[in-house]
Amino acid sequence: MTMTLYELAWGLYPRRVGIYLAEKGIAGIERVAFDAMAGWPPPDLTRLSPMGTVPILRTEVGTLIRSSIAILEYLEERFPSPDLLGATPERRARTRELMSILDEAATQFGIWCHKASPLFTGRELQGREAATFAADAYYGRLRLLDTLASETAGPFLAGEHVTIADCLAMATLQFAEGHYGVPLPKGCPALADWYAMFAQRSSAAPINYPAPLLGLAYGLPDICPPSAQ
């Protein structure tokens, strides 16, 4: 049995794994993409996960891994070269520190979307106050990431080499800008330089988002909080 990755190719969390696989050069994993336009969650997905979320990795022995971070760490252990976590305990700690900040940023961005975007109208309770709070928290995480990136000696977020942190950051920023029209906040020069550089890599090729969803989702800057100005 080969490994199978179930995904939504343009989704934020599946995109983390997609960028990682491209940077890592891992081949031989079967990739099954669900169609968000056919209704969500699809029946095949609910049979794989009670959470109804992607990505999901099925290993060769049938184990299901249903968290993007867990998938990335599992693959890093299975395929240690090239190293995308860090060659020393200190470098691995640095990468994981950045990963934690980026995971918090993605969570806050998701709350912002769910509480403000027309894409989720009628599907859950929305509110400007909650959306603005989440947006502020999202921008705060990005500014913290910018501060840490400015301390790093090297072109990538954790130093001289690509790490999982770069994959998480690119997936988040690309999704925020491409699907929701949310650019980087002002005052993040180190992060802006990194984003412009990493966007040129083949792993970060532009994504085509479904037009009907894009029409509803694009426009979150309309409630952009003061801290993003």
Protein backbone atom coordinates (compact mmCIF):
# COMPACT_ATOMS: atom_id res chain seq x y z
CA MET A 1 0.00 0.00 0.00
CA THR A 2 1.29 3.46 -0.85
CA MET A 3 0.71 6.58 1.21
CA THR A 4 -2.32 8.65 0.24
CA LEU A 5 -2.80 12.36 0.88
CA TYR A 6 -6.39 13.59 0.89
CA GLU A 7 -6.54 17.31 0.32
CA LEU A 8 -8.23 20.41 -1.01
CA ALA A 9 -5.43 21.63 -3.22
CA TRP A 10 -6.04 25.35 -2.62
CA GLY A 11 -6.97 25.18 1.09
CA LEU A 12 -4.70 26.80 3.66
CA TYR A 13 -3.84 23.70 5.67
CA PRO A 14 -3.50 21.28 2.75
CA ARG A 15 -1.37 23.90 1.02
CA ARG A 16 1.17 23.63 3.85
CA VAL A 17 1.71 19.98 2.92
CA GLY A 18 1.74 20.70 -0.81
CA ILE A 19 4.49 23.30 -0.49
CA TYR A 20 6.44 21.00 1.83
CA LEU A 21 6.26 18.07 -0.58
CA ALA A 22 7.53 20.27 -3.42
CA GLU A 23 10.40 21.63 -1.33
CA LYS A 24 11.24 18.18 0.00
CA GLY A 25 11.06 16.46 -3.37
CA ILE A 26 9.01 13.56 -2.04
CA ALA A 27 7.43 11.45 -4.78
CA GLY A 28 5.24 8.38 -4.69
CA ILE A 29 2.46 9.70 -2.47
CA GLU A 30 -0.97 9.32 -4.06
CA ARG A 31 -2.87 12.60 -3.84
CA VAL A 32 -6.67 12.70 -3.80
CA ALA A 33 -8.26 16.15 -4.05
CA PHE A 34 -11.82 16.70 -2.85
CA ASP A 35 -14.15 19.06 -4.73
CA ALA A 36 -15.41 21.82 -2.47
CA MET A 37 -18.04 22.80 -5.03
CA ALA A 38 -19.74 19.41 -4.74
CA GLY A 39 -20.82 20.08 -1.15
CA TRP A 40 -18.83 20.07 2.05
CA PRO A 41 -17.92 17.82 3.71
CA PRO A 42 -18.14 15.12 1.05
CA PRO A 43 -19.22 11.65 2.23
CA ASP A 44 -15.80 10.14 1.51
CA LEU A 45 -14.20 12.70 3.81
CA THR A 46 -16.54 12.07 6.74
CA ARG A 47 -15.69 8.38 6.53
CA LEU A 48 -12.02 9.28 6.92
CA SER A 49 -12.32 11.84 9.70
CA PRO A 50 -15.00 12.82 12.22
CA MET A 51 -13.57 16.35 12.00
CA GLY A 52 -14.46 16.68 8.32
CA THR A 53 -11.23 18.55 7.57
CA VAL A 54 -8.23 18.11 5.31
CA PRO A 55 -5.38 17.31 4.89
CA ILE A 56 -5.41 13.66 5.87
CA LEU A 57 -2.50 11.31 5.29
CA ARG A 58 -3.06 7.56 5.15
CA THR A 59 0.21 5.76 5.76
CA GLU A 60 1.26 2.48 4.16
CA VAL A 61 -0.05 0.55 7.17
CA GLY A 62 -3.40 2.37 7.10
CA THR A 63 -2.83 4.85 9.93
CA LEU A 64 -4.74 8.10 9.39
CA ILE A 65 -2.99 11.35 10.34
CA ARG A 66 -5.50 14.22 10.37
CA SER A 67 -3.40 17.27 11.37
CA SER A 68 -1.22 19.20 8.92
CA ILE A 69 1.50 19.74 11.54
CA ALA A 70 1.45 16.06 12.51
CA ILE A 71 1.65 15.10 8.82
CA LEU A 72 4.66 17.36 8.27
CA GLU A 73 6.49 16.08 11.33
CA TYR A 74 5.70 12.46 10.36
CA LEU A 75 7.03 12.96 6.83
CA GLU A 76 10.12 14.69 8.19
CA GLU A 77 10.86 11.64 10.31
CA ARG A 78 10.19 9.28 7.44
CA PHE A 79 12.23 11.29 4.93
CA PRO A 80 14.98 13.05 6.91
CA SER A 81 16.87 14.32 3.86
CA PRO A 82 16.84 17.09 2.87
CA ASP A 83 16.37 18.38 6.39
CA LEU A 84 13.47 20.84 6.74
CA LEU A 85 13.32 21.00 10.52
CA GLY A 86 16.84 21.74 11.71
CA ALA A 87 20.13 19.88 12.07
CA THR A 88 20.62 20.67 15.77
CA PRO A 89 18.29 20.82 18.80
CA GLU A 90 18.63 24.61 18.80
CA ARG A 91 17.68 24.94 15.14
CA ARG A 92 14.76 22.55 15.53
CA ALA A 93 13.56 24.59 18.50
CA ARG A 94 13.77 27.76 16.41
CA THR A 95 11.77 26.19 13.59
CA ARG A 96 9.11 24.94 15.99
CA GLU A 97 8.90 28.37 17.64
CA LEU A 98 8.11 29.91 14.26
CA MET A 99 5.68 27.09 13.45
CA SER A 100 3.78 27.79 16.67
CA ILE A 101 3.42 31.47 15.82
CA LEU A 102 2.26 30.65 12.31
CA ASP A 103 -0.26 28.11 13.57
CA GLU A 104 -1.70 30.77 15.89
CA ALA A 105 -1.83 33.21 12.97
CA ALA A 106 -3.70 30.70 10.81
CA THR A 107 -6.19 30.00 13.60
CA GLN A 108 -6.92 33.71 14.09
CA PHE A 109 -7.23 34.26 10.36
CA GLY A 110 -9.73 31.42 10.18
CA ILE A 111 -11.82 32.98 12.94
CA TRP A 112 -11.72 36.32 11.13
CA CYS A 113 -12.97 34.67 7.96
CA HIS A 114 -15.72 32.71 9.69
CA LYS A 115 -16.95 35.74 11.62
CA ALA A 116 -16.86 38.26 8.77
CA SER A 117 -16.88 36.69 5.32
CA PRO A 118 -20.10 36.33 3.30
CA LEU A 119 -18.78 32.86 2.49
CA PHE A 120 -19.93 31.77 5.97
CA THR A 121 -23.14 33.81 6.22
CA GLY A 122 -25.96 31.59 7.43
CA ARG A 123 -23.57 28.81 8.40
CA GLU A 124 -22.56 30.23 11.78
CA LEU A 125 -23.03 33.26 14.03
CA GLN A 126 -21.03 36.20 12.74
CA GLY A 127 -20.06 39.49 14.31
CA ARG A 128 -17.86 42.47 13.57
CA GLU A 129 -16.42 42.63 17.09
CA ALA A 130 -15.21 39.02 17.02
CA ALA A 131 -13.90 39.44 13.49
CA THR A 132 -11.96 42.58 14.37
CA PHE A 133 -10.49 40.95 17.48
CA ALA A 134 -9.31 37.97 15.39
CA ALA A 135 -7.95 40.25 12.67
CA ASP A 136 -5.93 42.19 15.23
CA ALA A 137 -4.59 38.94 16.64
CA TYR A 138 -3.67 37.71 13.15
CA TYR A 139 -1.77 40.89 12.35
CA GLY A 140 -0.09 40.75 15.75
CA ARG A 141 1.25 37.28 15.02
CA LEU A 142 2.59 38.45 11.67
CA ARG A 143 4.35 41.40 13.29
CA LEU A 144 5.92 39.07 15.82
CA LEU A 145 7.04 36.83 12.97
CA ASP A 146 8.54 39.87 11.24
CA THR A 147 10.53 40.73 14.37
CA LEU A 148 11.89 37.20 14.64
CA ALA A 149 12.65 37.05 10.92
CA SER A 150 14.66 40.28 11.19
CA GLU A 151 16.87 38.58 13.80
CA THR A 152 17.66 35.66 11.50
CA ALA A 153 20.91 35.49 9.54
CA GLY A 154 19.81 34.03 6.24
CA PRO A 155 17.22 34.42 3.50
CA PHE A 156 14.70 32.04 5.08
CA LEU A 157 12.65 32.44 8.23
CA ALA A 158 14.81 30.14 10.34
CA GLY A 159 18.16 30.83 8.71
CA GLU A 160 20.14 29.69 5.70
CA HIS A 161 17.88 26.83 4.67
CA VAL A 162 14.21 26.25 3.92
CA THR A 163 12.28 24.78 6.84
CA ILE A 164 8.73 23.72 7.60
CA ALA A 165 8.22 27.24 8.97
CA ASP A 166 8.65 28.67 5.47
CA CYS A 167 6.06 26.23 4.14
CA LEU A 168 3.55 27.27 6.80
CA ALA A 169 4.19 30.97 6.26
CA MET A 170 3.82 30.80 2.49
CA ALA A 171 0.62 28.78 2.71
CA THR A 172 -0.89 31.30 5.14
CA LEU A 173 0.10 34.50 3.35
CA GLN A 174 -0.69 33.15 -0.11
CA PHE A 175 -4.15 32.00 1.01
CA ALA A 176 -4.92 35.25 2.84
CA GLU A 177 -3.98 37.39 -0.13
CA GLY A 178 -5.16 35.18 -2.96
CA HIS A 179 -8.46 33.93 -1.60
CA TYR A 180 -9.52 36.71 0.77
CA GLY A 181 -7.68 39.77 -0.56
CA VAL A 182 -5.79 40.33 2.69
CA PRO A 183 -2.22 41.52 2.07
CA LEU A 184 0.59 41.69 4.56
CA PRO A 185 0.11 44.52 7.05
CA LYS A 186 2.35 47.55 6.79
CA GLY A 187 5.42 47.65 8.97
CA CYS A 188 6.64 44.11 8.27
CA PRO A 189 9.68 44.76 6.04
CA ALA A 190 11.55 41.54 6.81
CA LEU A 191 8.46 39.43 6.23
CA ALA A 192 7.61 41.34 3.06
CA ASP A 193 11.08 40.74 1.65
CA TRP A 194 10.88 37.06 2.53
CA TYR A 195 7.41 36.74 0.95
CA ALA A 196 8.54 38.35 -2.30
CA MET A 197 11.54 36.02 -2.43
CA PHE A 198 9.74 32.80 -1.53
CA ALA A 199 6.87 33.51 -3.94
CA GLN A 200 9.35 33.03 -6.79
CA ARG A 201 10.02 29.41 -5.83
CA SER A 202 8.32 26.69 -7.84
CA SER A 203 6.75 25.28 -4.66
CA ALA A 204 4.81 28.54 -4.24
CA ALA A 205 3.27 28.69 -7.72
CA PRO A 206 0.02 30.72 -7.77
CA ILE A 207 -3.18 28.85 -6.92
CA ASN A 208 -6.43 28.94 -8.89
CA TYR A 209 -9.28 29.38 -6.43
CA PRO A 210 -12.85 28.37 -7.39
CA ALA A 211 -14.48 31.46 -8.89
CA PRO A 212 -17.83 31.13 -7.03
CA LEU A 213 -16.03 30.93 -3.68
CA LEU A 214 -13.61 33.69 -4.59
CA GLY A 215 -16.49 35.99 -5.42
CA LEU A 216 -17.84 35.63 -1.89
CA ALA A 217 -14.58 35.47 0.00
CA TYR A 218 -12.54 38.26 -1.53
CA GLY A 219 -12.85 41.49 0.43
CA LEU A 220 -11.95 41.01 4.09
CA PRO A 221 -9.88 44.25 4.04
CA ASP A 222 -13.24 46.05 4.32
CA ILE A 223 -13.10 45.48 8.09
CA CYS A 224 -9.35 45.93 8.34
CA PRO A 225 -8.61 46.95 11.98
CA PRO A 226 -6.65 50.13 12.82
CA SER A 227 -3.50 48.16 13.67
CA ALA A 228 -3.19 47.04 10.04
CA GLN A 229 -3.08 50.56 8.66
